[in-house]
Amino acid sequence: MAKQMDRRIIGDLADNGVDFITSVPCKQLAGVIEVLDQTPAIRHMPSNKEDEGMGLCAGAYMGGMRPAIFMQNTALGVVMNSLATLIQFYQIPLPMLISYRGEVGEPVACQVEMALHTKAILNQLQIPTYHFHTPGDADELPGILNHAQMCRKPVAILTDASFWRAAA
């Protein structure tokens, strides 16, 4: 079932015109990145760091593409400046598929600290945020992608461990 969810997410992105995705390695997003690499309709450009990925997405958008980024919430602090002064300033619609690490059941203690701040940071930046807890929540993805394009804003799609466990 996990592969099915991975294919569904990539399919929804492709069906909604996303044709460029950058990512930073992430254990929770590994399956969806694997499917992405097998999808010729979307150019995948891995990034070394998330703020570098923001620049790649901005360049792709300005070159006529529809970008998205896959990242962990633990990197949100690293991308705040790029989000505010590049993505938001230039009104770039950017779906951000974010693995939401640090909730109950998280095996890595240092992940917990950023989980405490993730939603507040996104709220402070006035970024529409959606939290996927169960596979049924993914039904909202096409509407979220359309919303990002319509309002020309980044949107955050938080996917927590319970979402990926239930999809497995």
C-alpha atoms as a PDB file:
ATOM      1  CA  MET A   1       0.000   0.000   0.000  1.00  0.00           C
ATOM      2  CA  ALA A   2       2.941   2.382   0.635  1.00  0.00           C
ATOM      3  CA  LYS A   3       3.994   2.210  -3.014  1.00  0.00           C
ATOM      4  CA  GLN A   4       0.394   2.921  -3.969  1.00  0.00           C
ATOM      5  CA  MET A   5       0.425   6.110  -1.858  1.00  0.00           C
ATOM      6  CA  ASP A   6       3.820   7.099  -3.271  1.00  0.00           C
ATOM      7  CA  ARG A   7       2.474   6.669  -6.833  1.00  0.00           C
ATOM      8  CA  ARG A   8      -0.705   8.553  -5.946  1.00  0.00           C
ATOM      9  CA  ILE A   9       1.205  11.568  -4.608  1.00  0.00           C
ATOM     10  CA  ILE A  10       3.489  11.735  -7.647  1.00  0.00           C
ATOM     11  CA  GLY A  11       0.500  11.178  -9.948  1.00  0.00           C
ATOM     12  CA  ASP A  12      -1.427  14.029  -8.323  1.00  0.00           C
ATOM     13  CA  LEU A  13       1.581  16.314  -8.662  1.00  0.00           C
ATOM     14  CA  ALA A  14       2.033  15.433 -12.349  1.00  0.00           C
ATOM     15  CA  ASP A  15      -1.714  15.675 -13.063  1.00  0.00           C
ATOM     16  CA  ASN A  16      -1.685  19.182 -11.589  1.00  0.00           C
ATOM     17  CA  GLY A  17       1.154  20.411 -13.767  1.00  0.00           C
ATOM     18  CA  VAL A  18       4.118  20.032 -11.408  1.00  0.00           C
ATOM     19  CA  ASP A  19       7.037  19.291 -13.713  1.00  0.00           C
ATOM     20  CA  PHE A  20      10.070  20.077 -11.528  1.00  0.00           C
ATOM     21  CA  ILE A  21      10.799  18.748  -8.042  1.00  0.00           C
ATOM     22  CA  THR A  22      13.844  19.118  -5.898  1.00  0.00           C
ATOM     23  CA  SER A  23      14.420  17.037  -2.792  1.00  0.00           C
ATOM     24  CA  VAL A  24      16.827  16.427   0.025  1.00  0.00           C
ATOM     25  CA  PRO A  25      17.202  12.811   1.202  1.00  0.00           C
ATOM     26  CA  CYS A  26      14.630  11.812   3.814  1.00  0.00           C
ATOM     27  CA  LYS A  27      13.825   8.373   5.181  1.00  0.00           C
ATOM     28  CA  GLN A  28      10.066   9.051   5.357  1.00  0.00           C
ATOM     29  CA  LEU A  29       9.963  10.418   1.798  1.00  0.00           C
ATOM     30  CA  ALA A  30      12.304   7.790   0.307  1.00  0.00           C
ATOM     31  CA  GLY A  31       9.482   5.839  -1.363  1.00  0.00           C
ATOM     32  CA  VAL A  32       7.883   8.864  -2.955  1.00  0.00           C
ATOM     33  CA  ILE A  33      11.316  10.055  -4.154  1.00  0.00           C
ATOM     34  CA  GLU A  34      11.932   6.603  -5.654  1.00  0.00           C
ATOM     35  CA  VAL A  35       8.651   6.840  -7.611  1.00  0.00           C
ATOM     36  CA  LEU A  36       9.557  10.397  -8.625  1.00  0.00           C
ATOM     37  CA  ASP A  37      12.813   9.129 -10.133  1.00  0.00           C
ATOM     38  CA  GLN A  38      10.765   6.742 -12.297  1.00  0.00           C
ATOM     39  CA  THR A  39       8.418   9.486 -13.551  1.00  0.00           C
ATOM     40  CA  PRO A  40       9.627  11.044 -16.815  1.00  0.00           C
ATOM     41  CA  ALA A  41       6.941  13.764 -16.730  1.00  0.00           C
ATOM     42  CA  ILE A  42       8.664  15.403 -13.747  1.00  0.00           C
ATOM     43  CA  ARG A  43      12.292  16.527 -13.711  1.00  0.00           C
ATOM     44  CA  HIS A  44      13.877  15.618 -10.369  1.00  0.00           C
ATOM     45  CA  MET A  45      16.890  17.619  -9.261  1.00  0.00           C
ATOM     46  CA  PRO A  46      18.195  16.520  -5.848  1.00  0.00           C
ATOM     47  CA  SER A  47      19.549  19.310  -3.618  1.00  0.00           C
ATOM     48  CA  ASN A  48      22.380  19.338  -1.121  1.00  0.00           C
ATOM     49  CA  LYS A  49      20.445  21.654   1.202  1.00  0.00           C
ATOM     50  CA  GLU A  50      16.867  22.872   1.384  1.00  0.00           C
ATOM     51  CA  ASP A  51      17.733  26.549   0.887  1.00  0.00           C
ATOM     52  CA  GLU A  52      19.562  25.556  -2.293  1.00  0.00           C
ATOM     53  CA  GLY A  53      16.360  23.748  -3.277  1.00  0.00           C
ATOM     54  CA  MET A  54      14.375  26.955  -2.835  1.00  0.00           C
ATOM     55  CA  GLY A  55      16.699  28.650  -5.331  1.00  0.00           C
ATOM     56  CA  LEU A  56      16.324  25.765  -7.784  1.00  0.00           C
ATOM     57  CA  CYS A  57      12.527  25.989  -7.492  1.00  0.00           C
ATOM     58  CA  ALA A  58      12.575  29.757  -8.058  1.00  0.00           C
ATOM     59  CA  GLY A  59      14.751  29.330 -11.144  1.00  0.00           C
ATOM     60  CA  ALA A  60      12.516  26.555 -12.475  1.00  0.00           C
ATOM     61  CA  TYR A  61       9.419  28.725 -11.957  1.00  0.00           C
ATOM     62  CA  MET A  62      10.976  31.736 -13.641  1.00  0.00           C
ATOM     63  CA  GLY A  63      11.921  29.426 -16.507  1.00  0.00           C
ATOM     64  CA  GLY A  64       8.270  28.456 -17.017  1.00  0.00           C
ATOM     65  CA  MET A  65       8.093  25.279 -14.940  1.00  0.00           C
ATOM     66  CA  ARG A  66       5.834  24.386 -12.002  1.00  0.00           C
ATOM     67  CA  PRO A  67       8.094  23.408  -9.106  1.00  0.00           C
ATOM     68  CA  ALA A  68       7.680  21.593  -5.793  1.00  0.00           C
ATOM     69  CA  ILE A  69      10.111  20.673  -3.032  1.00  0.00           C
ATOM     70  CA  PHE A  70      10.323  17.599  -0.777  1.00  0.00           C
ATOM     71  CA  MET A  71      12.016  18.198   2.581  1.00  0.00           C
ATOM     72  CA  GLN A  72      11.945  17.544   6.337  1.00  0.00           C
ATOM     73  CA  ASN A  73      10.438  19.958   8.825  1.00  0.00           C
ATOM     74  CA  THR A  74      13.786  20.001  10.626  1.00  0.00           C
ATOM     75  CA  ALA A  75      15.138  22.153   7.778  1.00  0.00           C
ATOM     76  CA  LEU A  76      12.407  24.751   8.032  1.00  0.00           C
ATOM     77  CA  GLY A  77      14.657  27.074  10.022  1.00  0.00           C
ATOM     78  CA  VAL A  78      17.254  26.895   7.255  1.00  0.00           C
ATOM     79  CA  VAL A  79      14.800  27.996   4.539  1.00  0.00           C
ATOM     80  CA  MET A  80      12.967  30.819   6.328  1.00  0.00           C
ATOM     81  CA  ASN A  81      14.901  33.596   4.606  1.00  0.00           C
ATOM     82  CA  SER A  82      14.582  31.986   1.170  1.00  0.00           C
ATOM     83  CA  LEU A  83      10.866  31.452   1.707  1.00  0.00           C
ATOM     84  CA  ALA A  84      10.225  35.063   2.719  1.00  0.00           C
ATOM     85  CA  THR A  85      12.590  37.001   0.459  1.00  0.00           C
ATOM     86  CA  LEU A  86      12.484  34.806  -2.647  1.00  0.00           C
ATOM     87  CA  ILE A  87       9.487  32.480  -2.828  1.00  0.00           C
ATOM     88  CA  GLN A  88       6.925  34.738  -1.164  1.00  0.00           C
ATOM     89  CA  PHE A  89       8.289  38.047  -2.449  1.00  0.00           C
ATOM     90  CA  TYR A  90       8.130  36.858  -6.060  1.00  0.00           C
ATOM     91  CA  GLN A  91       4.770  35.113  -5.483  1.00  0.00           C
ATOM     92  CA  ILE A  92       6.007  31.692  -6.502  1.00  0.00           C
ATOM     93  CA  PRO A  93       3.412  28.950  -6.026  1.00  0.00           C
ATOM     94  CA  LEU A  94       5.475  26.251  -4.325  1.00  0.00           C
ATOM     95  CA  PRO A  95       3.996  23.059  -2.904  1.00  0.00           C
ATOM     96  CA  MET A  96       6.268  21.802  -0.132  1.00  0.00           C
ATOM     97  CA  LEU A  97       5.835  18.127   0.773  1.00  0.00           C
ATOM     98  CA  ILE A  98       7.335  18.091   4.260  1.00  0.00           C
ATOM     99  CA  SER A  99       7.978  15.013   6.359  1.00  0.00           C
ATOM    100  CA  TYR A 100       6.846  16.070   9.814  1.00  0.00           C
ATOM    101  CA  ARG A 101       9.350  14.508  12.182  1.00  0.00           C
ATOM    102  CA  GLY A 102       9.273  14.709  15.965  1.00  0.00           C
ATOM    103  CA  GLU A 103       5.754  13.703  17.002  1.00  0.00           C
ATOM    104  CA  VAL A 104       4.830  10.920  19.430  1.00  0.00           C
ATOM    105  CA  GLY A 105       6.664   7.768  18.424  1.00  0.00           C
ATOM    106  CA  GLU A 106       9.642   9.600  16.921  1.00  0.00           C
ATOM    107  CA  PRO A 107      12.760   7.495  17.604  1.00  0.00           C
ATOM    108  CA  VAL A 108      15.249  10.380  17.171  1.00  0.00           C
ATOM    109  CA  ALA A 109      15.117  12.779  20.126  1.00  0.00           C
ATOM    110  CA  CYS A 110      16.596  15.806  18.340  1.00  0.00           C
ATOM    111  CA  GLN A 111      13.723  15.729  15.815  1.00  0.00           C
ATOM    112  CA  VAL A 112      11.246  16.626  18.577  1.00  0.00           C
ATOM    113  CA  GLU A 113      12.488  20.186  19.045  1.00  0.00           C
ATOM    114  CA  MET A 114      11.711  21.325  15.505  1.00  0.00           C
ATOM    115  CA  ALA A 115       8.296  19.644  15.602  1.00  0.00           C
ATOM    116  CA  LEU A 116       7.431  21.974  18.468  1.00  0.00           C
ATOM    117  CA  HIS A 117       8.061  24.997  16.222  1.00  0.00           C
ATOM    118  CA  THR A 118       7.119  23.863  12.705  1.00  0.00           C
ATOM    119  CA  LYS A 119       3.479  24.937  12.583  1.00  0.00           C
ATOM    120  CA  ALA A 120       4.168  28.212  14.391  1.00  0.00           C
ATOM    121  CA  ILE A 121       6.910  29.117  11.890  1.00  0.00           C
ATOM    122  CA  LEU A 122       4.655  28.321   8.933  1.00  0.00           C
ATOM    123  CA  ASN A 123       1.840  30.305  10.539  1.00  0.00           C
ATOM    124  CA  GLN A 124       4.139  33.280  11.179  1.00  0.00           C
ATOM    125  CA  LEU A 125       5.157  33.223   7.514  1.00  0.00           C
ATOM    126  CA  GLN A 126       1.440  33.034   6.598  1.00  0.00           C
ATOM    127  CA  ILE A 127       1.954  29.840   4.600  1.00  0.00           C
ATOM    128  CA  PRO A 128      -1.191  27.737   4.213  1.00  0.00           C
ATOM    129  CA  THR A 129      -0.471  24.460   6.000  1.00  0.00           C
ATOM    130  CA  TYR A 130      -2.148  21.071   5.660  1.00  0.00           C
ATOM    131  CA  HIS A 131      -1.359  18.104   7.901  1.00  0.00           C
ATOM    132  CA  PHE A 132      -1.794  14.582   6.550  1.00  0.00           C
ATOM    133  CA  HIS A 133      -2.309  12.043   9.357  1.00  0.00           C
ATOM    134  CA  THR A 134      -4.125   9.275   7.456  1.00  0.00           C
ATOM    135  CA  PRO A 135      -4.082   8.102   3.818  1.00  0.00           C
ATOM    136  CA  GLY A 136      -7.549   9.634   3.295  1.00  0.00           C
ATOM    137  CA  ASP A 137      -6.059  13.076   3.922  1.00  0.00           C
ATOM    138  CA  ALA A 138      -4.219  12.747   0.591  1.00  0.00           C
ATOM    139  CA  ASP A 139      -7.604  13.210  -1.125  1.00  0.00           C
ATOM    140  CA  GLU A 140      -7.046  16.930  -0.511  1.00  0.00           C
ATOM    141  CA  LEU A 141      -3.779  17.083  -2.466  1.00  0.00           C
ATOM    142  CA  PRO A 142      -5.208  18.096  -5.888  1.00  0.00           C
ATOM    143  CA  GLY A 143      -7.172  20.946  -4.277  1.00  0.00           C
ATOM    144  CA  ILE A 144      -4.123  22.070  -2.319  1.00  0.00           C
ATOM    145  CA  LEU A 145      -2.044  22.141  -5.500  1.00  0.00           C
ATOM    146  CA  ASN A 146      -4.712  24.172  -7.292  1.00  0.00           C
ATOM    147  CA  HIS A 147      -4.870  26.543  -4.306  1.00  0.00           C
ATOM    148  CA  ALA A 148      -1.107  27.155  -4.469  1.00  0.00           C
ATOM    149  CA  GLN A 149      -1.347  28.063  -8.154  1.00  0.00           C
ATOM    150  CA  MET A 150      -4.427  30.253  -7.714  1.00  0.00           C
ATOM    151  CA  CYS A 151      -3.057  32.318  -4.826  1.00  0.00           C
ATOM    152  CA  ARG A 152       0.571  32.193  -6.047  1.00  0.00           C
ATOM    153  CA  LYS A 153       1.842  31.172  -2.627  1.00  0.00           C
ATOM    154  CA  PRO A 154       3.862  28.377  -1.154  1.00  0.00           C
ATOM    155  CA  VAL A 155       1.817  25.735   0.654  1.00  0.00           C
ATOM    156  CA  ALA A 156       3.064  23.242   3.225  1.00  0.00           C
ATOM    157  CA  ILE A 157       1.837  19.659   3.236  1.00  0.00           C
ATOM    158  CA  LEU A 158       3.015  18.032   6.463  1.00  0.00           C
ATOM    159  CA  THR A 159       3.109  14.238   6.338  1.00  0.00           C
ATOM    160  CA  ASP A 160       3.737  12.629   9.699  1.00  0.00           C
ATOM    161  CA  ALA A 161       4.879   9.124  10.614  1.00  0.00           C
ATOM    162  CA  SER A 162       1.279   7.982  11.207  1.00  0.00           C
ATOM    163  CA  PHE A 163       0.430   8.936   7.593  1.00  0.00           C
ATOM    164  CA  TRP A 164       3.295   6.858   6.201  1.00  0.00           C
ATOM    165  CA  ARG A 165       2.674   3.941   8.628  1.00  0.00           C
ATOM    166  CA  ALA A 166      -1.004   3.784   7.677  1.00  0.00           C
ATOM    167  CA  ALA A 167      -0.079   3.850   3.988  1.00  0.00           C
ATOM    168  CA  ALA A 168       2.352   0.937   4.449  1.00  0.00           C
END
